[in-house]
Every structure is written in structure tokens, then in C-alpha cells.
């Protein structure tokens, strides 16, 4: 307790800076969501008048963009090497874990106004990893959005369920009890799995593995089709007796 009071006192004596303002803003958002973050509350948190904040951040939009930068900087970027699936998988799990710690950031990250250098660096690292793994530009486009949608959507889904209060749970259970279960047996089975927690495994990672396995299959299928097309072209050239163009594939 003494050490905690000393840390708080040290922070209170620390000179105000943009980083300190953003750290305080993140603390407020983590505690009460982004709706709880106002300039007045933020000023109280750092011990200054609200107008003093504008020396360090021009407006609230700048604070929100700065918060997104801080959140993105916590994400593990995909590593290099031949195992692209493991690298993308680790990065996606890291991204999901970061958003689980800061669920308020999910909706902010969907706004074009908050795309800055940290987000660009993350996006480019994932895109380049996919391209280096042999995906075409078109497939990389689709692959990135499939991964991003799964990460963001899973976080929103989990946040929505975790935000449910006791009254919501009671109302849902009452609805379930009044439902003619014999008419909806598979729904009843599914709800029971939720209630008893009988299904093991991580839903996010299950979906992520499906996406990565599907992407790998599409890439391999495209590669095989490309090889077959080149071979057909080569056979056609040989049958016609035309000379091969310089620089063409052997």
C-alpha cells in the first residue's frame, strides 16, 4: 500500500506531457469505456484544468487517434520465416488479446480517422507476410479482410456477451424455459452447451484456424492452376514449332 501511494505521488509530481495525457485517457477508457472519457474527467485525472490539456493535444479526436496508436503498438507483428501460418496466427491472437484488454478500441479502429502510422505499420506487416507466402495481390486483399473481420467481429461478439448483466441473464433464461423445446431441439442443445460450458476449446482460435487453413488451400489451388496453365502453354508452343520467347519460364 505504501509503495502504491508513493507511485501515485510520483506520477502526480511528474510534468504533464502528451504521453502522460494519453496514458491517463487509456486508464479512464479501460475502466469505464470510451463514453466515460471526457476532457473534464481527463483533466481531473492528471490534476489540471481542462483548458491545460490543449497544450498537449489539440482536441478529443487527437486523443482517440493517439489511443489507437497505443493499442496497435501492443500487437505482435508477424515474424519472418517459412511458416507464414504460425506467424499470422500468433499476430492475430495477439491482436485479439490486445482488444480483449481494451475492448473500447474495437469501434475506434474501424474509423478511417484513426488510421495512422502504427496502424499502417501493422497492416503492411500482415500484407507483406501474405504476399511473401505466395498469395496473389487479389487474394492478399481478401485474406487480410477475412482476418481483420474475424478479429474485430469476435471481439465485439465477446464484449457484447460479457456486458450482459444479471437481469439480461434472468430474462434470457425465462424466455428459454417458455420456448417449446421439442420444436427447436438443436437450438436447445446449443443453449445447453453454453449453460453447462460442455464444449471445450477457444472459439476465436477455432475460427482463426478455419480461415488460415482455407487460405492455404486457396493459395495451393491457385498455384497448381498456374503451373498447369504454364505447362499447357509450353505444350502448345512446342506443338506449333514456334520458338520460345526469351525470358519465358523453362
C-alpha atoms as a PDB file:
ATOM      1  CA  UNK A   1       0.000   0.000   0.000  1.00  0.00           C
ATOM      2  CA  UNK A   2       2.859   2.381   0.869  1.00  0.00           C
ATOM      3  CA  UNK A   3       4.569   1.624  -2.448  1.00  0.00           C
ATOM      4  CA  UNK A   4       1.328   2.285  -4.349  1.00  0.00           C
ATOM      5  CA  UNK A   5       0.887   5.676  -2.626  1.00  0.00           C
ATOM      6  CA  UNK A   6       4.479   6.529  -3.495  1.00  0.00           C
ATOM      7  CA  UNK A   7       3.915   5.609  -7.161  1.00  0.00           C
ATOM      8  CA  UNK A   8       0.778   7.751  -7.309  1.00  0.00           C
ATOM      9  CA  UNK A   9       2.542  10.675  -5.696  1.00  0.00           C
ATOM     10  CA  UNK A  10       5.468  10.369  -8.109  1.00  0.00           C
ATOM     11  CA  UNK A  11       3.108  10.369 -11.099  1.00  0.00           C
ATOM     12  CA  UNK A  12       1.246  13.369  -9.726  1.00  0.00           C
ATOM     13  CA  UNK A  13       4.551  15.292  -9.471  1.00  0.00           C
ATOM     14  CA  UNK A  14       5.641  14.259 -12.970  1.00  0.00           C
ATOM     15  CA  UNK A  15       5.445  17.073 -15.523  1.00  0.00           C
ATOM     16  CA  UNK A  16       2.465  16.916 -17.827  1.00  0.00           C
ATOM     17  CA  UNK A  17       3.184  15.595 -21.311  1.00  0.00           C
ATOM     18  CA  UNK A  18       1.285  14.208 -24.271  1.00  0.00           C
ATOM     19  CA  UNK A  19       2.267  10.663 -23.279  1.00  0.00           C
ATOM     20  CA  UNK A  20       1.021  11.149 -19.724  1.00  0.00           C
ATOM     21  CA  UNK A  21      -2.272  12.581 -21.007  1.00  0.00           C
ATOM     22  CA  UNK A  22      -2.769   9.596 -23.321  1.00  0.00           C
ATOM     23  CA  UNK A  23      -1.867   7.091 -20.594  1.00  0.00           C
ATOM     24  CA  UNK A  24      -4.437   8.679 -18.310  1.00  0.00           C
ATOM     25  CA  UNK A  25      -7.008   8.624 -21.129  1.00  0.00           C
ATOM     26  CA  UNK A  26      -6.362   4.929 -21.678  1.00  0.00           C
ATOM     27  CA  UNK A  27      -6.848   4.261 -17.971  1.00  0.00           C
ATOM     28  CA  UNK A  28     -10.224   6.002 -17.999  1.00  0.00           C
ATOM     29  CA  UNK A  29     -11.324   4.155 -21.130  1.00  0.00           C
ATOM     30  CA  UNK A  30     -10.241   0.790 -19.693  1.00  0.00           C
ATOM     31  CA  UNK A  31     -12.247   1.444 -16.543  1.00  0.00           C
ATOM     32  CA  UNK A  32     -15.452   2.896 -17.968  1.00  0.00           C
ATOM     33  CA  UNK A  33     -15.388   2.587 -21.747  1.00  0.00           C
ATOM     34  CA  UNK A  34     -14.819   5.301 -24.301  1.00  0.00           C
ATOM     35  CA  UNK A  35     -18.056   7.085 -23.309  1.00  0.00           C
ATOM     36  CA  UNK A  36     -16.519   7.824 -19.904  1.00  0.00           C
ATOM     37  CA  UNK A  37     -13.626   9.700 -21.485  1.00  0.00           C
ATOM     38  CA  UNK A  38     -14.321  13.432 -21.414  1.00  0.00           C
ATOM     39  CA  UNK A  39     -11.867  16.305 -21.422  1.00  0.00           C
ATOM     40  CA  UNK A  40     -13.073  17.360 -17.976  1.00  0.00           C
ATOM     41  CA  UNK A  41     -12.589  13.911 -16.433  1.00  0.00           C
ATOM     42  CA  UNK A  42      -9.238  13.545 -18.140  1.00  0.00           C
ATOM     43  CA  UNK A  43      -8.105  16.890 -16.755  1.00  0.00           C
ATOM     44  CA  UNK A  44      -9.169  15.830 -13.266  1.00  0.00           C
ATOM     45  CA  UNK A  45      -7.258  12.570 -13.692  1.00  0.00           C
ATOM     46  CA  UNK A  46      -3.973  14.377 -14.429  1.00  0.00           C
ATOM     47  CA  UNK A  47      -4.663  17.182 -11.946  1.00  0.00           C
ATOM     48  CA  UNK A  48      -5.027  20.193 -14.243  1.00  0.00           C
ATOM     49  CA  UNK A  49      -7.727  22.443 -15.645  1.00  0.00           C
ATOM     50  CA  UNK A  50      -9.427  21.186 -18.809  1.00  0.00           C
ATOM     51  CA  UNK A  51      -8.005  24.005 -20.933  1.00  0.00           C
ATOM     52  CA  UNK A  52      -4.458  22.984 -19.984  1.00  0.00           C
ATOM     53  CA  UNK A  53      -4.874  19.715 -21.910  1.00  0.00           C
ATOM     54  CA  UNK A  54      -4.997  21.608 -25.201  1.00  0.00           C
ATOM     55  CA  UNK A  55      -1.316  22.468 -24.861  1.00  0.00           C
ATOM     56  CA  UNK A  56      -0.600  18.773 -25.397  1.00  0.00           C
ATOM     57  CA  UNK A  57      -3.499  17.511 -27.534  1.00  0.00           C
ATOM     58  CA  UNK A  58      -5.418  19.763 -29.954  1.00  0.00           C
ATOM     59  CA  UNK A  59      -8.809  18.075 -29.472  1.00  0.00           C
ATOM     60  CA  UNK A  60     -10.544  14.890 -28.427  1.00  0.00           C
ATOM     61  CA  UNK A  61     -10.158  13.345 -31.892  1.00  0.00           C
ATOM     62  CA  UNK A  62      -6.400  13.596 -31.477  1.00  0.00           C
ATOM     63  CA  UNK A  63      -6.688  11.794 -28.141  1.00  0.00           C
ATOM     64  CA  UNK A  64      -8.720   8.995 -29.699  1.00  0.00           C
ATOM     65  CA  UNK A  65      -6.245   8.618 -32.573  1.00  0.00           C
ATOM     66  CA  UNK A  66      -3.386   8.585 -30.073  1.00  0.00           C
ATOM     67  CA  UNK A  67      -5.130   5.879 -28.070  1.00  0.00           C
ATOM     68  CA  UNK A  68      -5.482   3.716 -31.180  1.00  0.00           C
ATOM     69  CA  UNK A  69      -1.750   4.155 -31.824  1.00  0.00           C
ATOM     70  CA  UNK A  70      -1.002   2.967 -28.295  1.00  0.00           C
ATOM     71  CA  UNK A  71      -3.293  -0.050 -28.618  1.00  0.00           C
ATOM     72  CA  UNK A  72      -1.875  -1.090 -32.002  1.00  0.00           C
ATOM     73  CA  UNK A  73       1.675  -0.786 -30.671  1.00  0.00           C
ATOM     74  CA  UNK A  74       0.874  -3.630 -28.240  1.00  0.00           C
ATOM     75  CA  UNK A  75       0.145  -6.074 -31.098  1.00  0.00           C
ATOM     76  CA  UNK A  76       2.825  -8.595 -32.022  1.00  0.00           C
ATOM     77  CA  UNK A  77       3.709  -8.185 -35.695  1.00  0.00           C
ATOM     78  CA  UNK A  78       4.055 -11.314 -37.871  1.00  0.00           C
ATOM     79  CA  UNK A  79       7.574 -12.727 -37.789  1.00  0.00           C
ATOM     80  CA  UNK A  80       9.570 -13.797 -40.841  1.00  0.00           C
ATOM     81  CA  UNK A  81      10.494 -17.309 -41.896  1.00  0.00           C
ATOM     82  CA  UNK A  82       8.858 -20.020 -43.970  1.00  0.00           C
ATOM     83  CA  UNK A  83       5.959 -20.786 -41.590  1.00  0.00           C
ATOM     84  CA  UNK A  84       3.621 -17.966 -42.573  1.00  0.00           C
ATOM     85  CA  UNK A  85       0.566 -19.591 -40.944  1.00  0.00           C
ATOM     86  CA  UNK A  86       2.156 -19.700 -37.493  1.00  0.00           C
ATOM     87  CA  UNK A  87       3.375 -16.116 -37.851  1.00  0.00           C
ATOM     88  CA  UNK A  88      -0.044 -14.785 -38.900  1.00  0.00           C
ATOM     89  CA  UNK A  89      -1.739 -16.920 -36.253  1.00  0.00           C
ATOM     90  CA  UNK A  90       0.435 -15.556 -33.424  1.00  0.00           C
ATOM     91  CA  UNK A  91      -0.122 -11.997 -34.591  1.00  0.00           C
ATOM     92  CA  UNK A  92      -3.903 -12.474 -34.869  1.00  0.00           C
ATOM     93  CA  UNK A  93      -4.102 -13.996 -31.376  1.00  0.00           C
ATOM     94  CA  UNK A  94      -2.005 -11.122 -30.053  1.00  0.00           C
ATOM     95  CA  UNK A  95      -4.359  -8.630 -31.733  1.00  0.00           C
ATOM     96  CA  UNK A  96      -7.387 -10.361 -30.201  1.00  0.00           C
ATOM     97  CA  UNK A  97      -5.770 -10.394 -26.753  1.00  0.00           C
ATOM     98  CA  UNK A  98      -4.969  -6.680 -27.028  1.00  0.00           C
ATOM     99  CA  UNK A  99      -8.559  -5.836 -27.972  1.00  0.00           C
ATOM    100  CA  UNK A 100      -9.786  -8.019 -25.099  1.00  0.00           C
ATOM    101  CA  UNK A 101      -7.765  -5.790 -22.759  1.00  0.00           C
ATOM    102  CA  UNK A 102      -9.048  -2.633 -24.463  1.00  0.00           C
ATOM    103  CA  UNK A 103     -12.466  -3.579 -25.927  1.00  0.00           C
ATOM    104  CA  UNK A 104     -13.430   0.083 -26.388  1.00  0.00           C
ATOM    105  CA  UNK A 105     -10.734   0.339 -29.072  1.00  0.00           C
ATOM    106  CA  UNK A 106     -12.506  -2.009 -31.492  1.00  0.00           C
ATOM    107  CA  UNK A 107     -15.032   0.518 -32.789  1.00  0.00           C
ATOM    108  CA  UNK A 108     -12.401   3.273 -32.850  1.00  0.00           C
ATOM    109  CA  UNK A 109     -10.190   1.177 -35.096  1.00  0.00           C
ATOM    110  CA  UNK A 110     -12.990   0.927 -37.654  1.00  0.00           C
ATOM    111  CA  UNK A 111     -12.877   4.677 -38.264  1.00  0.00           C
ATOM    112  CA  UNK A 112     -10.649   5.980 -41.099  1.00  0.00           C
ATOM    113  CA  UNK A 113      -9.856   8.987 -38.886  1.00  0.00           C
ATOM    114  CA  UNK A 114      -7.783   6.835 -36.542  1.00  0.00           C
ATOM    115  CA  UNK A 115      -5.590   5.189 -39.213  1.00  0.00           C
ATOM    116  CA  UNK A 116      -2.117   6.497 -38.501  1.00  0.00           C
ATOM    117  CA  UNK A 117       1.454   5.250 -38.709  1.00  0.00           C
ATOM    118  CA  UNK A 118       1.165   2.497 -36.069  1.00  0.00           C
ATOM    119  CA  UNK A 119      -1.861   1.002 -37.838  1.00  0.00           C
ATOM    120  CA  UNK A 120      -0.199   1.357 -41.233  1.00  0.00           C
ATOM    121  CA  UNK A 121       2.876  -0.461 -39.909  1.00  0.00           C
ATOM    122  CA  UNK A 122       0.725  -3.329 -38.626  1.00  0.00           C
ATOM    123  CA  UNK A 123      -1.300  -3.576 -41.839  1.00  0.00           C
ATOM    124  CA  UNK A 124       1.783  -3.522 -44.044  1.00  0.00           C
ATOM    125  CA  UNK A 125       3.472  -6.242 -41.999  1.00  0.00           C
ATOM    126  CA  UNK A 126       0.474  -8.588 -42.385  1.00  0.00           C
ATOM    127  CA  UNK A 127       0.029  -7.771 -46.081  1.00  0.00           C
ATOM    128  CA  UNK A 128       3.712  -8.281 -46.832  1.00  0.00           C
ATOM    129  CA  UNK A 129       3.751 -11.584 -44.924  1.00  0.00           C
ATOM    130  CA  UNK A 130       0.854 -12.857 -47.033  1.00  0.00           C
ATOM    131  CA  UNK A 131       2.443 -11.703 -50.295  1.00  0.00           C
ATOM    132  CA  UNK A 132       5.759 -13.311 -49.356  1.00  0.00           C
ATOM    133  CA  UNK A 133       3.871 -16.540 -48.600  1.00  0.00           C
ATOM    134  CA  UNK A 134       2.807 -16.726 -52.241  1.00  0.00           C
ATOM    135  CA  UNK A 135      -0.620 -15.108 -52.213  1.00  0.00           C
ATOM    136  CA  UNK A 136      -1.567 -13.007 -55.207  1.00  0.00           C
ATOM    137  CA  UNK A 137      -2.395  -9.327 -54.693  1.00  0.00           C
ATOM    138  CA  UNK A 138      -6.105 -10.105 -55.090  1.00  0.00           C
ATOM    139  CA  UNK A 139      -6.047 -12.993 -52.623  1.00  0.00           C
ATOM    140  CA  UNK A 140      -3.987 -10.951 -50.160  1.00  0.00           C
ATOM    141  CA  UNK A 141      -6.712  -8.302 -50.261  1.00  0.00           C
ATOM    142  CA  UNK A 142      -9.391 -10.876 -49.401  1.00  0.00           C
ATOM    143  CA  UNK A 143      -7.207 -12.683 -46.860  1.00  0.00           C
ATOM    144  CA  UNK A 144      -6.421  -9.505 -44.927  1.00  0.00           C
ATOM    145  CA  UNK A 145     -10.089  -8.538 -44.675  1.00  0.00           C
ATOM    146  CA  UNK A 146     -11.125 -12.060 -43.652  1.00  0.00           C
ATOM    147  CA  UNK A 147      -8.590 -11.978 -40.814  1.00  0.00           C
ATOM    148  CA  UNK A 148      -9.436  -8.405 -39.779  1.00  0.00           C
ATOM    149  CA  UNK A 149     -13.181  -9.136 -39.780  1.00  0.00           C
ATOM    150  CA  UNK A 150     -12.693 -12.218 -37.626  1.00  0.00           C
ATOM    151  CA  UNK A 151     -10.507 -10.405 -35.103  1.00  0.00           C
ATOM    152  CA  UNK A 152     -12.776  -7.354 -34.821  1.00  0.00           C
ATOM    153  CA  UNK A 153     -16.036  -9.290 -35.024  1.00  0.00           C
ATOM    154  CA  UNK A 154     -15.015 -11.835 -32.393  1.00  0.00           C
ATOM    155  CA  UNK A 155     -14.047  -9.066 -30.010  1.00  0.00           C
ATOM    156  CA  UNK A 156     -17.362  -7.243 -30.499  1.00  0.00           C
ATOM    157  CA  UNK A 157     -19.241 -10.524 -30.007  1.00  0.00           C
ATOM    158  CA  UNK A 158     -17.373 -11.342 -26.796  1.00  0.00           C
ATOM    159  CA  UNK A 159     -17.738  -7.786 -25.497  1.00  0.00           C
ATOM    160  CA  UNK A 160     -21.478  -7.852 -26.101  1.00  0.00           C
ATOM    161  CA  UNK A 161     -21.930 -11.091 -24.184  1.00  0.00           C
ATOM    162  CA  UNK A 162     -19.653 -10.065 -21.337  1.00  0.00           C
ATOM    163  CA  UNK A 163     -21.576  -6.781 -20.951  1.00  0.00           C
ATOM    164  CA  UNK A 164     -24.813  -8.626 -20.244  1.00  0.00           C
ATOM    165  CA  UNK A 165     -25.950  -8.058 -16.662  1.00  0.00           C
ATOM    166  CA  UNK A 166     -27.813 -10.323 -14.276  1.00  0.00           C
ATOM    167  CA  UNK A 167     -31.222  -9.037 -15.396  1.00  0.00           C
ATOM    168  CA  UNK A 168     -30.372  -9.903 -19.019  1.00  0.00           C
ATOM    169  CA  UNK A 169     -29.404 -13.420 -17.986  1.00  0.00           C
ATOM    170  CA  UNK A 170     -32.627 -13.897 -15.998  1.00  0.00           C
ATOM    171  CA  UNK A 171     -34.742 -12.656 -18.922  1.00  0.00           C
ATOM    172  CA  UNK A 172     -32.931 -14.937 -21.382  1.00  0.00           C
ATOM    173  CA  UNK A 173     -33.395 -17.944 -19.103  1.00  0.00           C
ATOM    174  CA  UNK A 174     -37.111 -17.198 -18.675  1.00  0.00           C
ATOM    175  CA  UNK A 175     -37.510 -17.000 -22.463  1.00  0.00           C
ATOM    176  CA  UNK A 176     -35.682 -20.301 -22.884  1.00  0.00           C
ATOM    177  CA  UNK A 177     -37.891 -22.051 -20.315  1.00  0.00           C
ATOM    178  CA  UNK A 178     -41.081 -20.907 -22.064  1.00  0.00           C
ATOM    179  CA  UNK A 179     -39.849 -21.981 -25.503  1.00  0.00           C
ATOM    180  CA  UNK A 180     -41.349 -25.179 -26.992  1.00  0.00           C
ATOM    181  CA  UNK A 181     -38.029 -27.033 -26.922  1.00  0.00           C
ATOM    182  CA  UNK A 182     -39.340 -30.007 -28.872  1.00  0.00           C
ATOM    183  CA  UNK A 183     -39.822 -27.701 -31.869  1.00  0.00           C
ATOM    184  CA  UNK A 184     -36.273 -26.339 -31.689  1.00  0.00           C
ATOM    185  CA  UNK A 185     -34.148 -29.248 -30.461  1.00  0.00           C
ATOM    186  CA  UNK A 186     -30.834 -28.079 -31.915  1.00  0.00           C
ATOM    187  CA  UNK A 187     -31.226 -24.595 -30.531  1.00  0.00           C
ATOM    188  CA  UNK A 188     -31.920 -26.147 -27.122  1.00  0.00           C
ATOM    189  CA  UNK A 189     -28.835 -28.319 -27.453  1.00  0.00           C
ATOM    190  CA  UNK A 190     -26.743 -25.249 -28.319  1.00  0.00           C
ATOM    191  CA  UNK A 191     -28.062 -23.191 -25.408  1.00  0.00           C
ATOM    192  CA  UNK A 192     -27.409 -26.077 -23.030  1.00  0.00           C
ATOM    193  CA  UNK A 193     -23.796 -26.180 -24.226  1.00  0.00           C
ATOM    194  CA  UNK A 194     -23.495 -22.504 -23.300  1.00  0.00           C
ATOM    195  CA  UNK A 195     -25.064 -23.016 -19.895  1.00  0.00           C
ATOM    196  CA  UNK A 196     -23.071 -26.117 -18.963  1.00  0.00           C
ATOM    197  CA  UNK A 197     -19.887 -24.973 -20.756  1.00  0.00           C
ATOM    198  CA  UNK A 198     -19.555 -28.536 -22.024  1.00  0.00           C
ATOM    199  CA  UNK A 199     -17.794 -27.579 -25.267  1.00  0.00           C
ATOM    200  CA  UNK A 200     -14.054 -27.218 -24.878  1.00  0.00           C
ATOM    201  CA  UNK A 201     -11.771 -25.052 -26.965  1.00  0.00           C
ATOM    202  CA  UNK A 202     -11.332 -21.412 -27.845  1.00  0.00           C
ATOM    203  CA  UNK A 203     -13.962 -20.051 -30.274  1.00  0.00           C
ATOM    204  CA  UNK A 204     -11.657 -17.350 -31.607  1.00  0.00           C
ATOM    205  CA  UNK A 205      -8.817 -19.736 -32.370  1.00  0.00           C
ATOM    206  CA  UNK A 206     -11.203 -22.297 -33.869  1.00  0.00           C
ATOM    207  CA  UNK A 207     -12.441 -19.713 -36.376  1.00  0.00           C
ATOM    208  CA  UNK A 208      -8.928 -18.415 -36.984  1.00  0.00           C
ATOM    209  CA  UNK A 209      -7.669 -21.905 -37.832  1.00  0.00           C
ATOM    210  CA  UNK A 210     -10.541 -22.369 -40.287  1.00  0.00           C
ATOM    211  CA  UNK A 211      -9.612 -19.132 -42.039  1.00  0.00           C
ATOM    212  CA  UNK A 212      -5.891 -19.925 -42.205  1.00  0.00           C
ATOM    213  CA  UNK A 213      -6.477 -23.493 -43.432  1.00  0.00           C
ATOM    214  CA  UNK A 214      -8.899 -22.196 -46.056  1.00  0.00           C
ATOM    215  CA  UNK A 215      -6.464 -19.538 -47.228  1.00  0.00           C
ATOM    216  CA  UNK A 216      -3.687 -22.097 -47.526  1.00  0.00           C
ATOM    217  CA  UNK A 217      -5.893 -24.364 -49.638  1.00  0.00           C
ATOM    218  CA  UNK A 218      -6.901 -21.494 -51.940  1.00  0.00           C
ATOM    219  CA  UNK A 219      -3.271 -20.453 -52.371  1.00  0.00           C
ATOM    220  CA  UNK A 220      -2.170 -24.002 -53.164  1.00  0.00           C
ATOM    221  CA  UNK A 221      -5.056 -24.497 -55.603  1.00  0.00           C
ATOM    222  CA  UNK A 222      -4.168 -21.250 -57.381  1.00  0.00           C
ATOM    223  CA  UNK A 223      -0.541 -22.301 -57.583  1.00  0.00           C
ATOM    224  CA  UNK A 224      -1.453 -25.663 -59.109  1.00  0.00           C
ATOM    225  CA  UNK A 225      -3.735 -24.000 -61.662  1.00  0.00           C
ATOM    226  CA  UNK A 226      -0.981 -21.559 -62.583  1.00  0.00           C
ATOM    227  CA  UNK A 227       1.544 -24.363 -63.085  1.00  0.00           C
ATOM    228  CA  UNK A 228      -0.951 -26.327 -65.193  1.00  0.00           C
ATOM    229  CA  UNK A 229      -1.657 -23.271 -67.338  1.00  0.00           C
ATOM    230  CA  UNK A 230       2.064 -22.712 -67.980  1.00  0.00           C
ATOM    231  CA  UNK A 231       2.514 -26.357 -68.925  1.00  0.00           C
ATOM    232  CA  UNK A 232      -0.402 -26.212 -71.361  1.00  0.00           C
ATOM    233  CA  UNK A 233       1.112 -23.086 -72.924  1.00  0.00           C
ATOM    234  CA  UNK A 234       4.510 -24.776 -73.221  1.00  0.00           C
ATOM    235  CA  UNK A 235       2.964 -27.832 -74.874  1.00  0.00           C
ATOM    236  CA  UNK A 236       1.065 -25.643 -77.302  1.00  0.00           C
ATOM    237  CA  UNK A 237       4.251 -23.764 -78.220  1.00  0.00           C
ATOM    238  CA  UNK A 238       6.172 -26.978 -78.754  1.00  0.00           C
ATOM    239  CA  UNK A 239       3.432 -28.456 -80.964  1.00  0.00           C
ATOM    240  CA  UNK A 240       3.251 -25.330 -83.081  1.00  0.00           C
ATOM    241  CA  UNK A 241       7.025 -25.285 -83.547  1.00  0.00           C
ATOM    242  CA  UNK A 242       7.239 -21.638 -82.543  1.00  0.00           C
ATOM    243  CA  UNK A 243      10.438 -20.604 -80.733  1.00  0.00           C
ATOM    244  CA  UNK A 244      10.098 -19.782 -77.050  1.00  0.00           C
ATOM    245  CA  UNK A 245      10.273 -16.133 -76.140  1.00  0.00           C
ATOM    246  CA  UNK A 246      13.441 -15.097 -74.421  1.00  0.00           C
ATOM    247  CA  UNK A 247      12.892 -14.884 -70.668  1.00  0.00           C
ATOM    248  CA  UNK A 248       9.908 -17.255 -70.607  1.00  0.00           C
ATOM    249  CA  UNK A 249       9.706 -19.963 -67.954  1.00  0.00           C
ATOM    250  CA  UNK A 250      11.538 -23.244 -68.752  1.00  0.00           C
END
